Amino acid sequence: MPAMKIDEIRGKTPEVLAAEFAATKRELFDMRFKSASQSLPDPSRIRVLRRTIARMGTILRERERKDAGPKAPKAPKAPRSGPSGAAKAAKTKESKAKKEAKA
């Protein structure tokens, strides 16, 4: 069975896609198990299955996010406490000078 194209995956209903996702993951598990115990007739099938599973997972996640609705707006960032860039650089120079004076 050749790799599923993204358009084929998008054309499936969520229920069918979830069922095929589970079946494909199971097939991949079985293929890996067989590859450890015996030689496979088509070892490249493992790669095809991995990529198909990734495509299916991507579409399922896109649909989940779409159904969840818009994201809540982010809260504004709190102002940073402590010295700014220029003040920090001056403070660092002072501390280096003190260390050199002690040595």
Protein backbone atom coordinates (compact mmCIF):
# COMPACT_ATOMS: atom_id res chain seq x y z
CA MET A 1 0.00 0.00 0.00
CA PRO A 2 1.59 3.33 -1.02
CA ALA A 3 1.82 6.28 1.34
CA MET A 4 -1.37 8.21 1.89
CA LYS A 5 -1.34 11.67 0.41
CA ILE A 6 -2.29 14.62 2.59
CA ASP A 7 -5.39 15.36 0.50
CA GLU A 8 -6.62 11.79 1.03
CA ILE A 9 -6.17 12.19 4.76
CA ARG A 10 -7.94 15.55 4.88
CA GLY A 11 -10.91 14.06 3.00
CA LYS A 12 -11.64 11.56 5.77
CA THR A 13 -14.03 12.15 8.64
CA PRO A 14 -12.52 12.47 12.12
CA GLU A 15 -13.90 9.07 13.21
CA VAL A 16 -12.51 7.25 10.17
CA LEU A 17 -9.20 9.06 10.48
CA ALA A 18 -8.86 8.17 14.17
CA ALA A 19 -9.61 4.52 13.40
CA GLU A 20 -7.08 4.41 10.55
CA PHE A 21 -4.53 6.21 12.74
CA ALA A 22 -4.82 3.50 15.39
CA ALA A 23 -4.69 0.71 12.78
CA THR A 24 -1.60 2.21 11.15
CA LYS A 25 0.16 2.57 14.49
CA ARG A 26 -0.63 -1.07 15.24
CA GLU A 27 0.73 -2.11 11.83
CA LEU A 28 3.94 -0.19 12.50
CA PHE A 29 4.28 -1.90 15.88
CA ASP A 30 3.82 -5.31 14.25
CA MET A 31 6.35 -4.49 11.51
CA ARG A 32 8.95 -3.42 14.07
CA PHE A 33 8.37 -6.56 16.09
CA LYS A 34 8.76 -8.74 12.99
CA SER A 35 11.90 -6.90 11.90
CA ALA A 36 13.53 -7.76 15.21
CA SER A 37 12.76 -11.46 14.91
CA GLN A 38 12.87 -12.11 11.16
CA SER A 39 13.54 -10.37 7.87
CA LEU A 40 10.79 -8.29 6.31
CA PRO A 41 9.73 -8.64 2.69
CA ASP A 42 9.53 -4.81 2.38
CA PRO A 43 11.59 -3.02 5.06
CA SER A 44 10.94 0.39 3.50
CA ARG A 45 7.30 0.00 4.56
CA ILE A 46 8.31 1.01 8.09
CA ARG A 47 9.40 4.41 6.81
CA VAL A 48 6.18 4.83 4.84
CA LEU A 49 4.11 3.97 7.90
CA ARG A 50 6.01 6.41 10.13
CA ARG A 51 5.42 9.25 7.72
CA THR A 52 1.77 8.37 7.23
CA ILE A 53 1.27 8.33 10.99
CA ALA A 54 2.92 11.76 11.23
CA ARG A 55 0.64 13.14 8.52
CA MET A 56 -2.46 11.72 10.20
CA GLY A 57 -1.39 13.08 13.57
CA THR A 58 -0.83 16.51 12.06
CA ILE A 59 -4.32 16.60 10.55
CA LEU A 60 -5.91 15.35 13.78
CA ARG A 61 -4.10 18.05 15.74
CA GLU A 62 -5.10 20.75 13.23
CA ARG A 63 -8.73 19.73 13.64
CA GLU A 64 -8.46 19.73 17.44
CA ARG A 65 -7.06 23.24 17.40
CA LYS A 66 -9.68 24.41 14.94
CA ASP A 67 -12.48 23.01 17.13
CA ALA A 68 -11.02 24.59 20.25
CA GLY A 69 -11.67 28.05 18.83
CA PRO A 70 -9.53 31.17 19.02
CA LYS A 71 -6.82 31.41 21.62
CA ALA A 72 -7.22 33.72 24.57
CA PRO A 73 -5.16 36.90 24.26
CA LYS A 74 -1.80 36.78 25.97
CA ALA A 75 -1.33 38.74 29.16
CA PRO A 76 1.10 41.64 28.84
CA LYS A 77 4.59 40.92 30.04
CA ALA A 78 5.57 42.25 33.43
CA PRO A 79 8.34 44.82 33.43
CA ARG A 80 11.73 43.42 34.24
CA SER A 81 13.21 44.24 37.58
CA GLY A 82 16.89 44.90 38.03
CA PRO A 83 19.37 46.99 36.14
CA SER A 84 18.99 47.77 32.48
CA GLY A 85 21.62 46.92 29.89
CA ALA A 86 23.81 50.00 30.38
CA ALA A 87 23.54 49.97 34.16
CA LYS A 88 24.28 46.26 34.22
CA ALA A 89 27.42 46.74 32.11
CA ALA A 90 28.68 49.50 34.43
CA LYS A 91 28.01 47.34 37.49
CA THR A 92 29.91 44.45 35.91
CA LYS A 93 32.91 46.70 35.23
CA GLU A 94 32.87 47.89 38.85
CA SER A 95 32.83 44.35 40.20
CA LYS A 96 35.71 43.33 37.91
CA ALA A 97 37.75 46.32 39.10
CA LYS A 98 37.13 45.39 42.75
CA LYS A 99 38.22 41.80 42.12
CA GLU A 100 41.42 42.99 40.43
CA ALA A 101 42.15 45.38 43.30
CA LYS A 102 41.82 42.54 45.84
CA ALA A 103 44.17 40.31 43.90
